[in-house]
């Protein structure tokens, strides 16, 4: 019960502070978030993390498919093959689903 009251109190305080900040503060935070997202260092880190994730997914799929054999659905196998193809990046990098290049 104590946690429910604390949650409700926090929700109320957040609402009041949020409404007092208003649209101007919201736009200011939105502009700051956009600037961070467009920072080249942030974009490179996100792209590197995405590539690493695709590589790990490919390795995990290979390990699982070795153990379960033909029980892996074709739809999943096709999706992982697509990820493996995108993980390469390199000089002929194309844009991914989020509009960032895989460089």
N, C-alpha and C. Protein backbone atom coordinates (compact mmCIF):
# COMPACT_ATOMS: atom_id res chain seq x y z
N UNK A 1 0.83 -1.19 0.00
CA UNK A 1 0.00 0.00 0.00
C UNK A 1 0.87 1.26 0.00
N UNK A 2 1.97 1.18 0.74
CA UNK A 2 2.87 2.33 0.83
C UNK A 2 3.43 2.69 -0.55
N UNK A 3 3.74 1.66 -1.36
CA UNK A 3 4.29 1.90 -2.69
C UNK A 3 3.27 2.51 -3.63
N UNK A 4 2.02 2.11 -3.48
CA UNK A 4 0.96 2.68 -4.31
C UNK A 4 0.78 4.17 -4.02
N UNK A 5 0.84 4.51 -2.76
CA UNK A 5 0.69 5.92 -2.38
C UNK A 5 1.89 6.72 -2.88
N UNK A 6 3.09 6.17 -2.74
CA UNK A 6 4.28 6.86 -3.22
C UNK A 6 4.23 7.03 -4.74
N UNK A 7 3.76 6.00 -5.44
CA UNK A 7 3.64 6.10 -6.90
C UNK A 7 2.64 7.17 -7.29
N UNK A 8 1.47 7.17 -6.64
CA UNK A 8 0.43 8.16 -6.94
C UNK A 8 0.93 9.57 -6.64
N UNK A 9 1.66 9.73 -5.56
CA UNK A 9 2.20 11.03 -5.19
C UNK A 9 3.22 11.48 -6.25
N UNK A 10 4.10 10.57 -6.66
CA UNK A 10 5.09 10.90 -7.69
C UNK A 10 4.43 11.24 -9.01
N UNK A 11 3.37 10.51 -9.35
CA UNK A 11 2.63 10.79 -10.57
C UNK A 11 2.01 12.18 -10.52
N UNK A 12 1.44 12.53 -9.38
CA UNK A 12 0.83 13.84 -9.22
C UNK A 12 1.85 14.97 -9.30
N UNK A 13 2.97 14.79 -8.65
CA UNK A 13 4.04 15.81 -8.68
C UNK A 13 4.56 15.98 -10.10
N UNK A 14 4.78 14.86 -10.78
CA UNK A 14 5.25 14.93 -12.16
C UNK A 14 4.27 15.63 -13.07
N UNK A 15 2.99 15.37 -12.87
CA UNK A 15 1.97 16.03 -13.69
C UNK A 15 1.97 17.53 -13.45
N UNK A 16 2.00 17.93 -12.19
CA UNK A 16 1.97 19.36 -11.86
C UNK A 16 3.20 20.06 -12.43
N UNK A 17 4.37 19.47 -12.22
CA UNK A 17 5.59 20.10 -12.73
C UNK A 17 5.59 20.13 -14.26
N UNK A 18 5.08 19.09 -14.87
CA UNK A 18 5.02 19.03 -16.33
C UNK A 18 4.09 20.07 -16.91
N UNK A 19 2.95 20.27 -16.27
CA UNK A 19 2.00 21.27 -16.78
C UNK A 19 2.51 22.68 -16.55
N UNK A 20 3.26 22.88 -15.48
CA UNK A 20 3.81 24.21 -15.24
C UNK A 20 4.91 24.54 -16.24
N UNK A 21 5.68 23.53 -16.62
CA UNK A 21 6.75 23.76 -17.59
C UNK A 21 6.15 24.17 -18.93
N UNK A 22 5.06 23.56 -19.31
CA UNK A 22 4.34 23.96 -20.51
C UNK A 22 5.00 23.55 -21.81
N UNK A 23 4.40 24.05 -22.87
CA UNK A 23 4.80 23.68 -24.23
C UNK A 23 6.20 24.19 -24.56
N UNK A 24 6.56 25.35 -24.05
CA UNK A 24 7.86 25.93 -24.35
C UNK A 24 8.99 25.02 -23.87
N UNK A 25 8.86 24.52 -22.66
CA UNK A 25 9.88 23.62 -22.11
C UNK A 25 9.91 22.31 -22.89
N UNK A 26 8.74 21.83 -23.28
CA UNK A 26 8.66 20.60 -24.08
C UNK A 26 9.42 20.77 -25.39
N UNK A 27 9.19 21.88 -26.07
CA UNK A 27 9.88 22.14 -27.33
C UNK A 27 11.38 22.27 -27.12
N UNK A 28 11.78 22.87 -26.01
CA UNK A 28 13.20 23.02 -25.70
C UNK A 28 13.85 21.64 -25.50
N UNK A 29 13.19 20.76 -24.75
CA UNK A 29 13.71 19.41 -24.54
C UNK A 29 13.75 18.63 -25.85
N UNK A 30 12.73 18.80 -26.66
CA UNK A 30 12.67 18.11 -27.95
C UNK A 30 13.82 18.55 -28.87
N UNK A 31 14.11 19.85 -28.87
CA UNK A 31 15.21 20.37 -29.69
C UNK A 31 16.54 19.82 -29.20
N UNK A 32 16.73 19.76 -27.89
CA UNK A 32 17.97 19.23 -27.33
C UNK A 32 18.13 17.75 -27.68
N UNK A 33 17.05 16.99 -27.59
CA UNK A 33 17.11 15.57 -27.93
C UNK A 33 17.45 15.37 -29.40
N UNK A 34 16.91 16.22 -30.26
CA UNK A 34 17.21 16.13 -31.68
C UNK A 34 18.68 16.43 -31.95
N UNK A 35 19.23 17.44 -31.26
CA UNK A 35 20.63 17.79 -31.44
C UNK A 35 21.55 16.64 -30.99
N UNK A 36 21.20 16.00 -29.89
CA UNK A 36 21.99 14.87 -29.41
C UNK A 36 21.93 13.74 -30.42
N UNK A 37 20.73 13.46 -30.94
CA UNK A 37 20.56 12.35 -31.89
C UNK A 37 21.31 12.61 -33.19
N UNK A 38 21.50 13.87 -33.56
CA UNK A 38 22.18 14.20 -34.81
C UNK A 38 23.69 14.35 -34.63
N UNK A 39 24.18 14.25 -33.42
CA UNK A 39 25.60 14.35 -33.14
C UNK A 39 26.31 13.16 -33.80
N UNK A 40 27.35 13.41 -34.58
CA UNK A 40 28.05 12.32 -35.28
C UNK A 40 28.58 11.24 -34.35
N UNK A 41 29.07 11.62 -33.18
CA UNK A 41 29.59 10.62 -32.25
C UNK A 41 28.47 9.70 -31.76
N UNK A 42 27.31 10.28 -31.48
CA UNK A 42 26.17 9.48 -31.02
C UNK A 42 25.69 8.57 -32.14
N UNK A 43 25.62 9.10 -33.35
CA UNK A 43 25.17 8.30 -34.49
C UNK A 43 26.14 7.13 -34.75
N UNK A 44 27.44 7.40 -34.67
CA UNK A 44 28.43 6.33 -34.88
C UNK A 44 28.31 5.26 -33.81
N UNK A 45 28.10 5.68 -32.56
CA UNK A 45 27.95 4.71 -31.48
C UNK A 45 26.70 3.87 -31.68
N UNK A 46 25.61 4.49 -32.11
CA UNK A 46 24.37 3.76 -32.35
C UNK A 46 24.53 2.78 -33.51
N UNK A 47 25.20 3.21 -34.56
CA UNK A 47 25.42 2.32 -35.71
C UNK A 47 26.32 1.15 -35.33
N UNK A 48 27.36 1.42 -34.55
CA UNK A 48 28.25 0.35 -34.10
C UNK A 48 27.50 -0.66 -33.23
N UNK A 49 26.65 -0.14 -32.35
CA UNK A 49 25.86 -1.03 -31.49
C UNK A 49 24.90 -1.86 -32.33
N UNK A 50 24.31 -1.26 -33.35
CA UNK A 50 23.42 -2.00 -34.23
C UNK A 50 24.14 -3.10 -34.99
N UNK A 51 25.32 -2.78 -35.50
CA UNK A 51 26.10 -3.79 -36.22
C UNK A 51 26.51 -4.92 -35.28
N UNK A 52 26.93 -4.58 -34.09
CA UNK A 52 27.33 -5.61 -33.12
C UNK A 52 26.14 -6.49 -32.77
N UNK A 53 24.98 -5.88 -32.61
CA UNK A 53 23.77 -6.64 -32.31
C UNK A 53 23.40 -7.60 -33.42
N UNK A 54 23.52 -7.14 -34.67
CA UNK A 54 23.23 -8.02 -35.80
C UNK A 54 24.21 -9.17 -35.87
N UNK A 55 25.48 -8.91 -35.57
CA UNK A 55 26.48 -9.98 -35.58
C UNK A 55 26.19 -11.01 -34.49
N UNK A 56 25.84 -10.54 -33.30
CA UNK A 56 25.52 -11.44 -32.20
C UNK A 56 24.28 -12.26 -32.54
N UNK A 57 23.28 -11.61 -33.14
CA UNK A 57 22.06 -12.33 -33.52
C UNK A 57 22.38 -13.42 -34.53
N UNK A 58 23.25 -13.13 -35.48
CA UNK A 58 23.64 -14.13 -36.46
C UNK A 58 24.36 -15.31 -35.83
N UNK A 59 25.27 -15.02 -34.90
CA UNK A 59 25.99 -16.09 -34.22
C UNK A 59 25.04 -16.93 -33.36
N UNK A 60 24.11 -16.25 -32.68
CA UNK A 60 23.15 -16.97 -31.84
C UNK A 60 22.26 -17.85 -32.70
N UNK A 61 21.83 -17.33 -33.84
CA UNK A 61 21.00 -18.12 -34.75
C UNK A 61 21.76 -19.34 -35.23
N UNK A 62 23.03 -19.17 -35.57
CA UNK A 62 23.83 -20.30 -36.04
C UNK A 62 23.95 -21.36 -34.95
N UNK A 63 24.18 -20.92 -33.72
CA UNK A 63 24.32 -21.86 -32.61
C UNK A 63 23.01 -22.61 -32.37
N UNK A 64 21.91 -21.89 -32.41
CA UNK A 64 20.60 -22.51 -32.17
C UNK A 64 20.24 -23.44 -33.31
N UNK A 65 20.46 -22.99 -34.54
CA UNK A 65 20.09 -23.82 -35.69
C UNK A 65 20.93 -25.10 -35.75
N UNK A 66 22.17 -25.05 -35.27
CA UNK A 66 22.99 -26.26 -35.21
C UNK A 66 22.38 -27.28 -34.24
N UNK A 67 21.79 -26.76 -33.16
CA UNK A 67 21.24 -27.66 -32.15
C UNK A 67 19.84 -28.17 -32.51
N UNK A 68 19.02 -27.34 -33.14
CA UNK A 68 17.65 -27.76 -33.43
C UNK A 68 17.46 -28.22 -34.86
N UNK A 69 18.42 -27.98 -35.70
CA UNK A 69 18.37 -28.46 -37.08
C UNK A 69 17.30 -27.79 -37.91
N UNK A 70 16.44 -28.59 -38.54
CA UNK A 70 15.42 -28.06 -39.46
C UNK A 70 14.19 -27.52 -38.74
N UNK A 71 14.19 -27.50 -37.43
CA UNK A 71 13.03 -27.02 -36.69
C UNK A 71 12.92 -25.49 -36.71
N UNK A 72 13.94 -24.81 -37.19
CA UNK A 72 13.90 -23.34 -37.27
C UNK A 72 13.00 -22.96 -38.44
N UNK A 73 11.96 -22.15 -38.18
CA UNK A 73 11.05 -21.76 -39.26
C UNK A 73 11.79 -21.00 -40.37
N UNK A 74 11.32 -21.18 -41.61
CA UNK A 74 11.94 -20.52 -42.75
C UNK A 74 11.85 -19.00 -42.63
N UNK A 75 10.76 -18.51 -42.05
CA UNK A 75 10.62 -17.05 -41.91
C UNK A 75 11.71 -16.47 -41.02
N UNK A 76 12.05 -17.17 -39.95
CA UNK A 76 13.11 -16.71 -39.05
C UNK A 76 14.47 -16.82 -39.73
N UNK A 77 14.68 -17.91 -40.43
CA UNK A 77 15.96 -18.09 -41.12
C UNK A 77 16.17 -16.99 -42.16
N UNK A 78 15.12 -16.63 -42.89
CA UNK A 78 15.24 -15.56 -43.89
C UNK A 78 15.53 -14.22 -43.26
N UNK A 79 14.91 -13.96 -42.13
CA UNK A 79 15.13 -12.68 -41.44
C UNK A 79 16.57 -12.58 -40.96
N UNK A 80 17.11 -13.65 -40.41
CA UNK A 80 18.50 -13.63 -39.92
C UNK A 80 19.47 -13.50 -41.08
N UNK A 81 19.18 -14.16 -42.19
CA UNK A 81 20.05 -14.01 -43.37
C UNK A 81 20.06 -12.54 -43.81
N UNK A 82 18.92 -11.87 -43.73
CA UNK A 82 18.85 -10.45 -44.08
C UNK A 82 19.70 -9.60 -43.14
N UNK A 83 19.69 -9.95 -41.86
CA UNK A 83 20.51 -9.23 -40.90
C UNK A 83 21.99 -9.44 -41.16
N UNK A 84 22.35 -10.66 -41.51
CA UNK A 84 23.75 -10.94 -41.80
C UNK A 84 24.23 -10.13 -42.98
N UNK A 85 23.39 -9.96 -43.98
CA UNK A 85 23.77 -9.19 -45.17
C UNK A 85 23.96 -7.72 -44.85
N UNK A 86 23.21 -7.19 -43.90
CA UNK A 86 23.33 -5.78 -43.54
C UNK A 86 24.47 -5.53 -42.59
N UNK A 87 24.95 -6.53 -41.91
CA UNK A 87 25.99 -6.33 -40.89
C UNK A 87 27.32 -5.94 -41.50
N UNK A 88 27.50 -6.18 -42.79
CA UNK A 88 28.79 -5.90 -43.41
C UNK A 88 29.14 -4.43 -43.48
N UNK A 89 28.16 -3.58 -43.88
CA UNK A 89 28.45 -2.15 -44.00
C UNK A 89 29.49 -1.91 -45.06
N UNK A 90 30.55 -1.16 -44.75
CA UNK A 90 31.68 -0.96 -45.65
C UNK A 90 31.46 0.19 -46.59
N UNK A 91 32.23 0.20 -47.69
CA UNK A 91 32.23 1.32 -48.61
C UNK A 91 30.90 1.47 -49.33
N UNK A 92 30.22 0.37 -49.63
CA UNK A 92 28.94 0.45 -50.33
C UNK A 92 27.77 0.47 -49.38
N UNK A 93 27.93 1.11 -48.25
CA UNK A 93 26.89 1.10 -47.23
C UNK A 93 25.64 1.79 -47.71
N UNK A 94 24.51 1.20 -47.38
CA UNK A 94 23.23 1.79 -47.70
C UNK A 94 22.57 2.23 -46.42
N UNK A 95 21.45 2.93 -46.54
CA UNK A 95 20.76 3.37 -45.34
C UNK A 95 19.91 2.25 -44.78
N UNK A 96 19.79 2.21 -43.45
CA UNK A 96 18.97 1.18 -42.84
C UNK A 96 17.55 1.70 -42.64
N UNK A 97 16.72 0.96 -41.89
CA UNK A 97 15.32 1.29 -41.70
C UNK A 97 15.11 2.62 -40.97
N UNK A 98 16.13 3.09 -40.26
CA UNK A 98 15.99 4.32 -39.48
C UNK A 98 16.62 5.52 -40.17
N UNK A 99 17.09 5.35 -41.37
CA UNK A 99 17.64 6.49 -42.12
C UNK A 99 19.08 6.78 -41.81
N UNK A 100 19.78 5.86 -41.15
CA UNK A 100 21.20 6.08 -40.89
C UNK A 100 22.00 5.13 -41.74
N UNK A 101 23.17 5.54 -42.14
CA UNK A 101 24.00 4.68 -42.98
C UNK A 101 24.79 3.72 -42.12
N UNK A 102 25.08 2.58 -42.67
CA UNK A 102 25.87 1.57 -41.95
C UNK A 102 27.34 1.73 -42.32
N UNK A 103 27.93 2.82 -41.84
CA UNK A 103 29.34 3.08 -42.16
C UNK A 103 30.21 2.76 -40.98
